[in-house]
Amino acid sequence: MRRSGDTLPVVVGTHVCTDSPTISHKPVPFMGSPVAFADIGREEVTPDMDAVLSIDTTKGNRIVKWRGFALTPTVKEGWILKVSDDLLTIMEIATGRIPRVCPITTQDITPYGNGIDHLNSIMQPCTATDKPVVGVPITTESVVPGSATGAHPEDIAEATTFCVEVAKAHGKGICSFYSEEEWGIIERKYGPLKLLQTPGRA
């Protein structure tokens, strides 16, 4: 796209580890990291980001049971907000199917290393920013360990198409990750939950 003069206002962050450890976890082992997730978050999330799509294979669980990809609800400053209608619409257009939503819990949006179970690390960027974060899990019908998973090009292509379409729409101001009006009500009535972005109390 860039070579053709079609540029998008996006920042792409990732990390590569050639010797990633595995972590004991049920139903299958997790992929670990020799670098603390807090350090990874600081490198992957930049202050100039308006919103974050966090893409991760989410195959080692008994919750998400379909092949392809899904969306999570929007997370902002410790709050799990409603699923964005705009993102659901773009998912329908990008896939030609009804949208699929991956459930997350409050546990999933807390930092790794706090002794609490997580679905996986897909929501970890939300611990490193005050901007809205949405997970884009790439999924399978069966339980597949991260250390053994094969890449399915068509699933990756669909998720990529979705992310490109979101970037285009968000850059034009016609795609919102959350309602700013409703966020104002939440802040006024209930206040912040930023404690959930930290390792918690000792």
C-alpha atoms as a PDB file:
ATOM      1  CA  MET A   1       0.000   0.000   0.000  1.00  0.00           C
ATOM      2  CA  ARG A   2       2.763   2.418   0.936  1.00  0.00           C
ATOM      3  CA  ARG A   3       4.658   1.720  -2.303  1.00  0.00           C
ATOM      4  CA  SER A   4       1.458   2.617  -4.166  1.00  0.00           C
ATOM      5  CA  GLY A   5       1.177   5.903  -2.288  1.00  0.00           C
ATOM      6  CA  ASP A   6      -1.624   4.673  -0.023  1.00  0.00           C
ATOM      7  CA  THR A   7      -0.423   5.450   3.497  1.00  0.00           C
ATOM      8  CA  LEU A   8      -2.179   4.930   6.803  1.00  0.00           C
ATOM      9  CA  PRO A   9      -1.583   6.818  10.074  1.00  0.00           C
ATOM     10  CA  VAL A  10      -0.617   3.680  11.998  1.00  0.00           C
ATOM     11  CA  VAL A  11       2.160   2.428  14.238  1.00  0.00           C
ATOM     12  CA  VAL A  12       2.865  -1.297  14.088  1.00  0.00           C
ATOM     13  CA  GLY A  13       4.581  -2.812  17.112  1.00  0.00           C
ATOM     14  CA  THR A  14       5.653  -6.408  17.609  1.00  0.00           C
ATOM     15  CA  HIS A  15       8.366  -8.487  19.207  1.00  0.00           C
ATOM     16  CA  VAL A  16      10.255 -11.584  18.121  1.00  0.00           C
ATOM     17  CA  CYS A  17      11.877 -14.129  20.415  1.00  0.00           C
ATOM     18  CA  THR A  18      13.910 -17.021  19.018  1.00  0.00           C
ATOM     19  CA  ASP A  19      14.067 -18.837  22.357  1.00  0.00           C
ATOM     20  CA  SER A  20      10.700 -18.296  23.984  1.00  0.00           C
ATOM     21  CA  PRO A  21      10.087 -20.382  27.110  1.00  0.00           C
ATOM     22  CA  THR A  22       6.847 -22.228  27.798  1.00  0.00           C
ATOM     23  CA  ILE A  23       4.832 -21.728  30.977  1.00  0.00           C
ATOM     24  CA  SER A  24       2.768 -24.419  32.664  1.00  0.00           C
ATOM     25  CA  HIS A  25      -0.907 -23.629  32.105  1.00  0.00           C
ATOM     26  CA  LYS A  26      -4.163 -25.500  31.567  1.00  0.00           C
ATOM     27  CA  PRO A  27      -5.527 -26.641  29.166  1.00  0.00           C
ATOM     28  CA  VAL A  28      -2.202 -26.227  27.300  1.00  0.00           C
ATOM     29  CA  PRO A  29       1.137 -24.538  28.095  1.00  0.00           C
ATOM     30  CA  PHE A  30       1.477 -20.816  27.407  1.00  0.00           C
ATOM     31  CA  MET A  31       4.291 -19.211  25.473  1.00  0.00           C
ATOM     32  CA  GLY A  32       6.382 -17.168  27.868  1.00  0.00           C
ATOM     33  CA  SER A  33       8.923 -14.415  27.381  1.00  0.00           C
ATOM     34  CA  PRO A  34      12.437 -13.798  28.723  1.00  0.00           C
ATOM     35  CA  VAL A  35      11.465 -10.097  28.864  1.00  0.00           C
ATOM     36  CA  ALA A  36       8.927  -8.827  31.406  1.00  0.00           C
ATOM     37  CA  PHE A  37       5.531  -8.071  29.864  1.00  0.00           C
ATOM     38  CA  ALA A  38       5.617  -4.623  31.478  1.00  0.00           C
ATOM     39  CA  ASP A  39       8.779  -3.859  29.480  1.00  0.00           C
ATOM     40  CA  ILE A  40       7.226  -5.229  26.284  1.00  0.00           C
ATOM     41  CA  GLY A  41       4.142  -3.062  26.846  1.00  0.00           C
ATOM     42  CA  ARG A  42       6.235   0.076  27.214  1.00  0.00           C
ATOM     43  CA  GLU A  43       7.943  -0.678  23.889  1.00  0.00           C
ATOM     44  CA  GLU A  44       4.822  -1.737  21.956  1.00  0.00           C
ATOM     45  CA  VAL A  45       2.535   1.111  23.027  1.00  0.00           C
ATOM     46  CA  THR A  46       3.512   4.678  22.175  1.00  0.00           C
ATOM     47  CA  PRO A  47       2.029   7.926  23.553  1.00  0.00           C
ATOM     48  CA  ASP A  48       0.929   9.088  20.086  1.00  0.00           C
ATOM     49  CA  MET A  49      -1.438   6.134  19.570  1.00  0.00           C
ATOM     50  CA  ASP A  50      -5.139   7.089  19.542  1.00  0.00           C
ATOM     51  CA  ALA A  51      -6.294   3.476  19.910  1.00  0.00           C
ATOM     52  CA  VAL A  52      -4.763  -0.006  19.958  1.00  0.00           C
ATOM     53  CA  LEU A  53      -5.668  -3.241  18.175  1.00  0.00           C
ATOM     54  CA  SER A  54      -3.862  -6.089  19.924  1.00  0.00           C
ATOM     55  CA  ILE A  55      -3.523  -9.152  17.672  1.00  0.00           C
ATOM     56  CA  ASP A  56      -2.573 -12.507  19.178  1.00  0.00           C
ATOM     57  CA  THR A  57      -3.249 -16.169  18.566  1.00  0.00           C
ATOM     58  CA  THR A  58      -5.823 -17.249  21.144  1.00  0.00           C
ATOM     59  CA  LYS A  59      -6.031 -20.983  20.595  1.00  0.00           C
ATOM     60  CA  GLY A  60      -5.107 -22.536  23.935  1.00  0.00           C
ATOM     61  CA  ASN A  61      -8.425 -22.119  25.727  1.00  0.00           C
ATOM     62  CA  ARG A  62     -11.872 -23.680  26.104  1.00  0.00           C
ATOM     63  CA  ILE A  63     -13.789 -20.425  25.657  1.00  0.00           C
ATOM     64  CA  VAL A  64     -13.353 -19.324  22.033  1.00  0.00           C
ATOM     65  CA  LYS A  65     -14.383 -22.222  19.791  1.00  0.00           C
ATOM     66  CA  TRP A  66     -14.371 -21.177  16.149  1.00  0.00           C
ATOM     67  CA  ARG A  67     -11.834 -20.871  13.382  1.00  0.00           C
ATOM     68  CA  GLY A  68     -10.898 -17.376  12.225  1.00  0.00           C
ATOM     69  CA  PHE A  69     -10.673 -14.291  14.416  1.00  0.00           C
ATOM     70  CA  ALA A  70     -12.798 -12.363  16.891  1.00  0.00           C
ATOM     71  CA  LEU A  71     -13.046  -9.065  18.744  1.00  0.00           C
ATOM     72  CA  THR A  72     -12.969  -8.326  22.447  1.00  0.00           C
ATOM     73  CA  PRO A  73     -14.894  -5.583  24.170  1.00  0.00           C
ATOM     74  CA  THR A  74     -13.043  -2.268  24.319  1.00  0.00           C
ATOM     75  CA  VAL A  75     -10.902  -1.774  27.424  1.00  0.00           C
ATOM     76  CA  LYS A  76      -9.953   1.664  28.726  1.00  0.00           C
ATOM     77  CA  GLU A  77      -8.247   2.581  31.993  1.00  0.00           C
ATOM     78  CA  GLY A  78      -9.389  -0.531  33.832  1.00  0.00           C
ATOM     79  CA  TRP A  79     -12.930  -0.508  32.435  1.00  0.00           C
ATOM     80  CA  ILE A  80     -14.290  -3.250  30.159  1.00  0.00           C
ATOM     81  CA  LEU A  81     -16.642  -1.274  27.918  1.00  0.00           C
ATOM     82  CA  LYS A  82     -19.275  -2.427  25.439  1.00  0.00           C
ATOM     83  CA  VAL A  83     -18.167  -3.903  22.124  1.00  0.00           C
ATOM     84  CA  SER A  84     -17.825  -1.143  19.533  1.00  0.00           C
ATOM     85  CA  ASP A  85     -20.703  -1.131  17.020  1.00  0.00           C
ATOM     86  CA  ASP A  86     -18.371   0.399  14.424  1.00  0.00           C
ATOM     87  CA  LEU A  87     -15.868  -2.434  14.819  1.00  0.00           C
ATOM     88  CA  LEU A  88     -18.634  -5.037  14.594  1.00  0.00           C
ATOM     89  CA  THR A  89     -19.796  -3.491  11.321  1.00  0.00           C
ATOM     90  CA  ILE A  90     -16.281  -3.484   9.863  1.00  0.00           C
ATOM     91  CA  MET A  91     -15.846  -7.116  10.910  1.00  0.00           C
ATOM     92  CA  GLU A  92     -19.044  -8.045   9.076  1.00  0.00           C
ATOM     93  CA  ILE A  93     -17.851  -6.252   5.946  1.00  0.00           C
ATOM     94  CA  ALA A  94     -14.334  -7.714   6.098  1.00  0.00           C
ATOM     95  CA  THR A  95     -15.487 -11.319   6.591  1.00  0.00           C
ATOM     96  CA  GLY A  96     -18.985 -11.512   5.099  1.00  0.00           C
ATOM     97  CA  ARG A  97     -20.100 -13.283   8.279  1.00  0.00           C
ATOM     98  CA  ILE A  98     -21.795 -12.350  11.515  1.00  0.00           C
ATOM     99  CA  PRO A  99     -19.285 -10.831  13.954  1.00  0.00           C
ATOM    100  CA  ARG A 100     -17.709 -12.960  16.653  1.00  0.00           C
ATOM    101  CA  VAL A 101     -16.884 -11.634  20.103  1.00  0.00           C
ATOM    102  CA  CYS A 102     -14.308 -13.116  22.459  1.00  0.00           C
ATOM    103  CA  PRO A 103     -15.337 -12.762  26.106  1.00  0.00           C
ATOM    104  CA  ILE A 104     -12.805 -11.334  28.537  1.00  0.00           C
ATOM    105  CA  THR A 105     -12.838 -10.903  32.297  1.00  0.00           C
ATOM    106  CA  THR A 106     -11.433  -8.322  34.671  1.00  0.00           C
ATOM    107  CA  GLN A 107      -8.603 -10.779  35.353  1.00  0.00           C
ATOM    108  CA  ASP A 108      -7.562 -10.647  31.689  1.00  0.00           C
ATOM    109  CA  ILE A 109      -6.985  -6.881  31.752  1.00  0.00           C
ATOM    110  CA  THR A 110      -4.646  -6.907  34.760  1.00  0.00           C
ATOM    111  CA  PRO A 111      -0.853  -7.116  34.312  1.00  0.00           C
ATOM    112  CA  TYR A 112       0.850 -10.468  33.951  1.00  0.00           C
ATOM    113  CA  GLY A 113       2.832 -11.683  36.933  1.00  0.00           C
ATOM    114  CA  ASN A 114       0.207 -10.851  39.575  1.00  0.00           C
ATOM    115  CA  GLY A 115      -0.667 -14.495  40.324  1.00  0.00           C
ATOM    116  CA  ILE A 116      -4.078 -14.269  38.607  1.00  0.00           C
ATOM    117  CA  ASP A 117      -5.126 -16.456  35.674  1.00  0.00           C
ATOM    118  CA  HIS A 118      -5.403 -14.760  32.261  1.00  0.00           C
ATOM    119  CA  LEU A 119      -6.992 -15.950  29.001  1.00  0.00           C
ATOM    120  CA  ASN A 120      -3.627 -15.015  27.434  1.00  0.00           C
ATOM    121  CA  SER A 121      -1.548 -11.863  26.966  1.00  0.00           C
ATOM    122  CA  ILE A 122      -3.730 -10.288  24.275  1.00  0.00           C
ATOM    123  CA  MET A 123      -5.065  -7.545  26.576  1.00  0.00           C
ATOM    124  CA  GLN A 124      -1.712  -6.623  28.138  1.00  0.00           C
ATOM    125  CA  PRO A 125      -1.386  -3.398  26.089  1.00  0.00           C
ATOM    126  CA  CYS A 126      -4.325  -1.996  28.086  1.00  0.00           C
ATOM    127  CA  THR A 127      -2.090  -1.954  31.179  1.00  0.00           C
ATOM    128  CA  ALA A 128       0.363   0.411  29.448  1.00  0.00           C
ATOM    129  CA  THR A 129      -1.933   3.125  28.029  1.00  0.00           C
ATOM    130  CA  ASP A 130      -4.979   5.248  28.753  1.00  0.00           C
ATOM    131  CA  LYS A 131      -6.137   4.841  25.145  1.00  0.00           C
ATOM    132  CA  PRO A 132      -8.851   2.321  24.158  1.00  0.00           C
ATOM    133  CA  VAL A 133      -7.591  -1.207  23.460  1.00  0.00           C
ATOM    134  CA  VAL A 134      -9.399  -3.947  21.529  1.00  0.00           C
ATOM    135  CA  GLY A 135      -8.106  -7.490  21.217  1.00  0.00           C
ATOM    136  CA  VAL A 136      -8.170  -9.247  17.850  1.00  0.00           C
ATOM    137  CA  PRO A 137      -7.681 -12.920  18.769  1.00  0.00           C
ATOM    138  CA  ILE A 138      -6.908 -15.382  15.980  1.00  0.00           C
ATOM    139  CA  THR A 139      -8.806 -18.504  16.954  1.00  0.00           C
ATOM    140  CA  THR A 140      -9.335 -22.216  16.338  1.00  0.00           C
ATOM    141  CA  GLU A 141     -12.132 -24.681  17.064  1.00  0.00           C
ATOM    142  CA  SER A 142      -9.869 -27.048  18.991  1.00  0.00           C
ATOM    143  CA  VAL A 143      -7.406 -26.367  21.785  1.00  0.00           C
ATOM    144  CA  VAL A 144      -3.968 -25.770  20.217  1.00  0.00           C
ATOM    145  CA  PRO A 145      -0.832 -25.008  22.275  1.00  0.00           C
ATOM    146  CA  GLY A 146       0.939 -21.804  21.337  1.00  0.00           C
ATOM    147  CA  SER A 147       4.237 -23.649  21.206  1.00  0.00           C
ATOM    148  CA  ALA A 148       2.851 -26.092  18.616  1.00  0.00           C
ATOM    149  CA  THR A 149       0.473 -23.971  16.590  1.00  0.00           C
ATOM    150  CA  GLY A 150       0.739 -23.733  12.840  1.00  0.00           C
ATOM    151  CA  ALA A 151      -0.130 -20.541  11.006  1.00  0.00           C
ATOM    152  CA  HIS A 152      -3.300 -20.592   8.918  1.00  0.00           C
ATOM    153  CA  PRO A 153      -2.731 -17.979   6.191  1.00  0.00           C
ATOM    154  CA  GLU A 154      -6.425 -17.394   5.478  1.00  0.00           C
ATOM    155  CA  ASP A 155      -7.150 -16.555   9.138  1.00  0.00           C
ATOM    156  CA  ILE A 156      -4.193 -14.176   9.270  1.00  0.00           C
ATOM    157  CA  ALA A 157      -5.303 -12.558   5.994  1.00  0.00           C
ATOM    158  CA  GLU A 158      -8.846 -11.985   7.302  1.00  0.00           C
ATOM    159  CA  ALA A 159      -7.593 -10.440  10.547  1.00  0.00           C
ATOM    160  CA  THR A 160      -5.188  -8.243   8.581  1.00  0.00           C
ATOM    161  CA  THR A 161      -7.959  -7.074   6.242  1.00  0.00           C
ATOM    162  CA  PHE A 162     -10.069  -6.161   9.268  1.00  0.00           C
ATOM    163  CA  CYS A 163      -7.226  -4.196  10.882  1.00  0.00           C
ATOM    164  CA  VAL A 164      -6.480  -2.288   7.666  1.00  0.00           C
ATOM    165  CA  GLU A 165     -10.156  -1.374   7.269  1.00  0.00           C
ATOM    166  CA  VAL A 166     -10.305  -0.227  10.901  1.00  0.00           C
ATOM    167  CA  ALA A 167      -7.200   1.924  10.405  1.00  0.00           C
ATOM    168  CA  LYS A 168      -8.717   3.522   7.303  1.00  0.00           C
ATOM    169  CA  ALA A 169     -12.057   4.235   8.982  1.00  0.00           C
ATOM    170  CA  HIS A 170     -10.543   5.396  12.268  1.00  0.00           C
ATOM    171  CA  GLY A 171      -8.162   7.705  10.414  1.00  0.00           C
ATOM    172  CA  LYS A 172     -11.159   9.280   8.641  1.00  0.00           C
ATOM    173  CA  GLY A 173     -12.936   9.741  11.955  1.00  0.00           C
ATOM    174  CA  ILE A 174     -15.794   7.387  11.062  1.00  0.00           C
ATOM    175  CA  CYS A 175     -14.912   4.515  13.408  1.00  0.00           C
ATOM    176  CA  SER A 176     -14.955   4.845  17.170  1.00  0.00           C
ATOM    177  CA  PHE A 177     -13.652   2.279  19.656  1.00  0.00           C
ATOM    178  CA  TYR A 178     -15.971   3.637  22.374  1.00  0.00           C
ATOM    179  CA  SER A 179     -18.570   6.319  23.069  1.00  0.00           C
ATOM    180  CA  GLU A 180     -16.895   9.416  24.487  1.00  0.00           C
ATOM    181  CA  GLU A 181     -20.248  10.641  25.774  1.00  0.00           C
ATOM    182  CA  GLU A 182     -20.855   7.405  27.669  1.00  0.00           C
ATOM    183  CA  TRP A 183     -17.248   7.421  28.923  1.00  0.00           C
ATOM    184  CA  GLY A 184     -17.885  10.847  30.444  1.00  0.00           C
ATOM    185  CA  ILE A 185     -20.889   9.439  32.330  1.00  0.00           C
ATOM    186  CA  ILE A 186     -18.850   6.455  33.550  1.00  0.00           C
ATOM    187  CA  GLU A 187     -16.071   8.729  34.832  1.00  0.00           C
ATOM    188  CA  ARG A 188     -18.529  11.093  36.525  1.00  0.00           C
ATOM    189  CA  LYS A 189     -20.664   8.406  38.172  1.00  0.00           C
ATOM    190  CA  TYR A 190     -18.087   5.756  39.050  1.00  0.00           C
ATOM    191  CA  GLY A 191     -14.566   7.141  38.716  1.00  0.00           C
ATOM    192  CA  PRO A 192     -11.350   5.495  37.570  1.00  0.00           C
ATOM    193  CA  LEU A 193     -10.331   1.843  37.834  1.00  0.00           C
ATOM    194  CA  LYS A 194      -6.672   2.492  37.070  1.00  0.00           C
ATOM    195  CA  LEU A 195      -5.604   0.235  39.938  1.00  0.00           C
ATOM    196  CA  LEU A 196      -6.374  -2.643  37.550  1.00  0.00           C
ATOM    197  CA  GLN A 197      -3.569  -1.376  35.260  1.00  0.00           C
ATOM    198  CA  THR A 198      -1.019  -1.943  38.038  1.00  0.00           C
ATOM    199  CA  PRO A 199       0.379  -5.057  39.734  1.00  0.00           C
ATOM    200  CA  GLY A 200      -2.100  -4.337  42.555  1.00  0.00           C
ATOM    201  CA  ARG A 201      -1.697  -4.044  46.281  1.00  0.00           C
ATOM    202  CA  ALA A 202       1.027  -6.005  48.050  1.00  0.00           C
END
